[in-house]
N, C-alpha and C. Protein backbone atom coordinates (compact mmCIF):
# COMPACT_ATOMS: atom_id res chain seq x y z
N MET A 1 19.44 25.72 30.78
CA MET A 1 18.46 25.72 29.74
C MET A 1 17.44 24.55 29.77
N ARG A 2 18.18 23.47 30.03
CA ARG A 2 17.13 22.38 30.01
C ARG A 2 16.30 22.46 31.19
N ASP A 3 16.66 23.08 32.20
CA ASP A 3 15.89 23.12 33.50
C ASP A 3 14.49 24.16 33.12
N ASP A 4 15.13 25.00 32.47
CA ASP A 4 13.99 26.12 32.13
C ASP A 4 13.00 25.50 31.14
N LEU A 5 13.36 24.68 30.27
CA LEU A 5 12.44 24.09 29.28
C LEU A 5 11.58 23.12 30.08
N ASP A 6 12.32 22.21 31.11
CA ASP A 6 11.54 21.31 31.91
C ASP A 6 10.29 22.02 32.72
N THR A 7 10.70 22.97 33.30
CA THR A 7 10.02 24.05 34.04
C THR A 7 8.77 24.55 33.19
N ALA A 8 9.11 24.90 32.02
CA ALA A 8 7.89 25.61 31.26
C ALA A 8 6.98 24.59 30.71
N LEU A 9 7.54 23.14 30.56
CA LEU A 9 6.70 22.19 30.05
C LEU A 9 5.59 21.63 31.17
N SER A 10 6.30 21.62 32.30
CA SER A 10 5.58 21.16 33.52
C SER A 10 4.48 22.47 33.84
N ARG A 11 4.79 23.49 33.70
CA ARG A 11 3.60 24.49 33.74
C ARG A 11 2.58 24.43 32.84
N LEU A 12 2.88 24.20 31.49
CA LEU A 12 2.18 23.89 30.57
C LEU A 12 1.14 22.75 30.59
N ALA A 13 1.71 21.71 31.26
CA ALA A 13 0.92 20.43 31.62
C ALA A 13 -0.14 20.76 32.52
N ARG A 14 0.20 21.55 33.58
CA ARG A 14 -0.43 21.70 34.71
C ARG A 14 -1.67 22.82 34.46
N ALA A 15 -1.42 23.55 33.36
CA ALA A 15 -2.48 24.50 32.95
C ALA A 15 -3.55 23.90 32.42
N PRO A 16 -4.77 24.47 32.61
CA PRO A 16 -6.01 24.15 32.10
C PRO A 16 -6.18 24.11 30.75
N VAL A 17 -6.81 23.32 30.14
CA VAL A 17 -7.08 23.09 28.71
C VAL A 17 -8.09 24.41 28.18
N PRO A 18 -7.66 25.14 27.23
CA PRO A 18 -8.58 26.41 26.94
C PRO A 18 -9.96 25.71 26.09
N ALA A 19 -10.85 26.42 26.54
CA ALA A 19 -12.16 25.93 26.22
C ALA A 19 -12.38 25.76 24.54
N ARG A 20 -11.73 26.57 23.69
CA ARG A 20 -11.73 26.22 22.25
C ARG A 20 -11.07 25.06 22.09
N LEU A 21 -9.77 24.65 22.36
CA LEU A 21 -9.02 23.47 22.29
C LEU A 21 -9.87 22.28 22.78
N ALA A 22 -10.43 22.38 23.92
CA ALA A 22 -11.36 21.16 24.28
C ALA A 22 -12.59 20.87 23.49
N ALA A 23 -12.85 21.98 22.76
CA ALA A 23 -14.21 21.56 21.92
C ALA A 23 -14.11 21.37 20.52
N LEU A 24 -12.69 21.27 20.19
CA LEU A 24 -12.31 21.24 18.83
C LEU A 24 -12.57 19.81 18.32
N ASP A 25 -12.75 18.85 18.87
CA ASP A 25 -13.07 17.56 18.24
C ASP A 25 -14.51 17.26 18.40
N VAL A 26 -15.44 18.17 19.22
CA VAL A 26 -16.58 17.77 19.37
C VAL A 26 -17.49 17.92 18.19
N GLU A 27 -17.27 18.74 17.38
CA GLU A 27 -18.20 19.04 16.30
C GLU A 27 -18.05 17.95 15.10
N PRO A 28 -16.74 17.61 14.87
CA PRO A 28 -16.65 16.37 13.80
C PRO A 28 -17.35 15.09 14.36
N PHE A 29 -16.70 14.95 15.75
CA PHE A 29 -17.34 13.46 16.12
C PHE A 29 -18.86 13.45 16.21
N ASP A 30 -19.57 14.44 16.64
CA ASP A 30 -20.89 14.61 16.61
C ASP A 30 -21.40 14.51 15.09
N TRP A 31 -20.90 15.08 14.10
CA TRP A 31 -21.23 14.97 12.85
C TRP A 31 -21.14 13.38 12.37
N LEU A 32 -19.99 12.79 12.67
CA LEU A 32 -19.60 11.27 12.30
C LEU A 32 -20.96 10.43 13.10
N LEU A 33 -21.29 10.67 14.48
CA LEU A 33 -22.22 10.18 15.11
C LEU A 33 -23.75 10.35 14.60
N ASN A 34 -23.83 11.47 14.02
CA ASN A 34 -25.15 11.49 13.41
C ASN A 34 -25.34 11.10 11.99
N GLN A 35 -24.34 10.52 11.32
CA GLN A 35 -24.55 10.06 10.11
C GLN A 35 -25.45 8.71 9.83
N PRO A 36 -26.20 8.85 8.96
CA PRO A 36 -26.99 7.32 8.89
C PRO A 36 -26.09 6.28 8.55
N ARG A 37 -26.06 5.23 9.29
CA ARG A 37 -25.28 3.94 9.02
C ARG A 37 -25.64 3.05 8.06
N ASP A 38 -24.86 2.61 7.15
CA ASP A 38 -25.29 1.80 6.14
C ASP A 38 -24.61 0.44 6.48
N SER A 39 -25.65 -0.42 6.80
CA SER A 39 -24.98 -1.69 7.18
C SER A 39 -24.75 -2.74 6.14
N GLY A 40 -23.73 -3.11 5.89
CA GLY A 40 -22.99 -4.11 5.01
C GLY A 40 -22.53 -3.48 3.70
N SER A 41 -22.74 -2.28 3.38
CA SER A 41 -22.39 -1.85 2.09
C SER A 41 -20.91 -1.93 1.84
N GLY A 42 -19.86 -1.85 2.69
CA GLY A 42 -18.52 -1.84 2.72
C GLY A 42 -18.18 -3.25 2.34
N PHE A 43 -18.75 -4.22 3.06
CA PHE A 43 -18.62 -5.71 2.83
C PHE A 43 -19.08 -6.01 1.32
N GLN A 44 -20.30 -5.48 0.99
CA GLN A 44 -20.65 -5.90 -0.12
C GLN A 44 -20.05 -5.43 -1.25
N HIS A 45 -19.35 -4.31 -1.24
CA HIS A 45 -18.39 -3.56 -2.37
C HIS A 45 -17.20 -4.55 -2.27
N GLY A 46 -16.55 -4.86 -1.10
CA GLY A 46 -15.57 -5.65 -1.19
C GLY A 46 -15.65 -7.12 -1.73
N ALA A 47 -16.93 -7.89 -1.71
CA ALA A 47 -16.94 -9.09 -2.06
C ALA A 47 -17.25 -8.86 -3.77
N LEU A 48 -18.08 -7.75 -3.88
CA LEU A 48 -18.12 -7.41 -5.45
C LEU A 48 -16.75 -7.23 -6.20
N ALA A 49 -15.83 -6.46 -5.42
CA ALA A 49 -14.48 -6.39 -6.09
C ALA A 49 -13.61 -7.53 -6.11
N ALA A 50 -14.04 -8.38 -5.04
CA ALA A 50 -13.09 -9.83 -4.97
C ALA A 50 -13.62 -10.79 -6.18
N ALA A 51 -14.95 -10.78 -6.27
CA ALA A 51 -15.66 -11.60 -7.35
C ALA A 51 -15.31 -11.16 -8.80
N ALA A 52 -14.97 -9.93 -8.97
CA ALA A 52 -14.73 -9.36 -10.35
C ALA A 52 -13.34 -9.58 -10.63
N ALA A 53 -12.46 -9.50 -9.67
CA ALA A 53 -10.94 -9.89 -9.84
C ALA A 53 -10.85 -11.35 -9.93
N ILE A 54 -11.40 -12.05 -9.14
CA ILE A 54 -11.55 -13.64 -9.59
C ILE A 54 -11.75 -13.76 -11.11
N LEU A 55 -13.04 -13.44 -11.48
CA LEU A 55 -13.67 -13.55 -12.81
C LEU A 55 -12.65 -13.01 -13.94
N ILE A 56 -12.15 -11.77 -13.97
CA ILE A 56 -11.12 -11.30 -14.70
C ILE A 56 -9.90 -12.01 -14.87
N GLY A 57 -9.38 -12.70 -13.70
CA GLY A 57 -8.21 -13.56 -13.67
C GLY A 57 -8.54 -14.90 -14.27
N VAL A 58 -9.65 -15.42 -14.06
CA VAL A 58 -10.02 -16.60 -14.80
C VAL A 58 -10.17 -16.45 -16.41
N ALA A 59 -10.78 -15.35 -16.70
CA ALA A 59 -11.08 -14.83 -18.01
C ALA A 59 -9.98 -14.77 -18.72
N GLY A 60 -8.95 -14.12 -17.93
CA GLY A 60 -7.59 -13.62 -18.51
C GLY A 60 -6.55 -14.89 -18.90
N SER A 61 -6.91 -15.90 -18.17
CA SER A 61 -5.89 -16.96 -17.97
C SER A 61 -6.41 -18.08 -18.84
N THR A 62 -7.79 -18.14 -19.22
CA THR A 62 -8.26 -19.05 -20.35
C THR A 62 -8.13 -18.56 -21.94
N VAL A 63 -8.25 -17.26 -22.03
CA VAL A 63 -8.20 -16.76 -23.26
C VAL A 63 -6.96 -16.90 -24.11
N PRO A 64 -6.77 -17.43 -25.13
CA PRO A 64 -5.49 -17.78 -25.58
C PRO A 64 -4.82 -16.21 -26.16
N SER A 65 -3.72 -16.08 -26.19
CA SER A 65 -3.00 -14.81 -26.47
C SER A 65 -2.39 -14.74 -27.77
N GLY A 66 -2.57 -15.94 -28.43
CA GLY A 66 -1.91 -16.03 -29.87
C GLY A 66 -0.92 -17.14 -29.78
N ARG A 67 -0.18 -17.22 -30.77
CA ARG A 67 0.75 -18.48 -31.09
C ARG A 67 1.67 -18.53 -30.07
N LEU A 68 1.84 -19.64 -29.11
CA LEU A 68 2.68 -19.77 -28.35
C LEU A 68 3.94 -20.60 -29.00
N GLU A 69 5.18 -20.15 -28.68
CA GLU A 69 6.50 -20.74 -29.03
C GLU A 69 7.71 -20.53 -28.16
N ALA A 70 8.38 -21.63 -27.87
CA ALA A 70 9.27 -21.61 -26.90
C ALA A 70 10.41 -20.54 -27.21
N ARG A 71 10.82 -19.80 -26.36
CA ARG A 71 11.97 -18.84 -26.69
C ARG A 71 13.24 -19.01 -25.78
N ALA A 72 14.29 -18.72 -26.19
CA ALA A 72 15.74 -18.71 -25.65
C ALA A 72 15.64 -18.18 -24.11
N LEU A 73 16.21 -18.81 -23.25
CA LEU A 73 16.30 -18.29 -21.81
C LEU A 73 17.42 -17.24 -21.65
N LEU A 74 16.75 -16.07 -21.36
CA LEU A 74 17.91 -15.00 -21.07
C LEU A 74 18.22 -14.77 -19.70
N SER A 75 18.99 -15.65 -19.26
CA SER A 75 19.57 -15.93 -17.73
C SER A 75 20.95 -16.10 -17.94
N PRO A 76 21.87 -15.55 -16.88
CA PRO A 76 23.12 -15.85 -16.81
C PRO A 76 23.54 -17.08 -16.33
N LEU A 77 22.49 -17.69 -15.60
CA LEU A 77 22.65 -19.12 -14.95
C LEU A 77 22.60 -20.25 -15.93
N GLY A 78 21.97 -19.96 -16.96
CA GLY A 78 21.82 -21.00 -17.88
C GLY A 78 22.98 -21.65 -18.57
N PRO A 79 23.10 -22.82 -18.92
CA PRO A 79 24.47 -23.46 -19.43
C PRO A 79 24.78 -22.80 -21.02
N THR A 80 24.08 -22.57 -21.68
CA THR A 80 24.44 -22.20 -23.27
C THR A 80 23.73 -20.78 -23.36
N THR A 81 23.63 -19.75 -22.52
CA THR A 81 23.11 -18.51 -22.76
C THR A 81 24.24 -17.59 -23.43
N PRO A 82 23.53 -16.62 -24.13
CA PRO A 82 24.59 -15.55 -24.43
C PRO A 82 25.00 -14.58 -23.17
N LEU A 83 24.41 -14.63 -22.34
CA LEU A 83 24.78 -13.78 -21.06
C LEU A 83 25.98 -14.50 -20.05
N THR A 84 26.46 -15.63 -20.54
CA THR A 84 27.63 -16.14 -19.59
C THR A 84 28.55 -15.55 -19.39
N PRO A 85 29.35 -15.49 -18.21
CA PRO A 85 30.29 -14.35 -17.87
C PRO A 85 31.45 -14.42 -19.06
N SER A 86 31.60 -15.79 -19.73
CA SER A 86 32.80 -15.91 -20.40
C SER A 86 32.38 -15.21 -21.88
N THR A 87 31.16 -15.26 -22.24
CA THR A 87 30.96 -14.32 -23.41
C THR A 87 30.74 -12.81 -23.24
N LEU A 88 30.41 -12.70 -22.01
CA LEU A 88 30.28 -11.05 -21.86
C LEU A 88 31.70 -10.34 -21.81
N LEU A 89 32.72 -11.25 -21.10
CA LEU A 89 34.14 -10.50 -21.23
C LEU A 89 34.60 -10.55 -22.63
N GLY A 90 34.37 -11.03 -23.62
CA GLY A 90 34.84 -10.97 -25.03
C GLY A 90 36.26 -11.36 -24.97
N ASP A 91 36.82 -11.29 -26.06
CA ASP A 91 38.31 -11.62 -26.53
C ASP A 91 39.14 -10.66 -25.82
N VAL A 92 40.08 -11.00 -24.91
CA VAL A 92 40.95 -9.98 -24.33
C VAL A 92 42.36 -10.37 -25.03
N GLY A 93 42.80 -9.37 -25.66
CA GLY A 93 44.28 -9.78 -26.14
C GLY A 93 44.33 -9.55 -27.58
């Protein structure tokens, strides 16, 4: 069976390419080549997006978000947190 498949694939590789298949890519590529080129608009849009992101980040970091207060750390690695393993096990017995 493997030899039959190899033979069929070899025959297919040696066969000429059908005209419709050979011309399949011609029309889209011709259309792309004939489109007017806009030089630099991609770079300009990227630069505008980067500048807007920087401005929004700076504005967001400078505007106060309200009253700031320290909160208890919720981490099982802290020395006196409610999530230490000994408190999570509870009283057994």
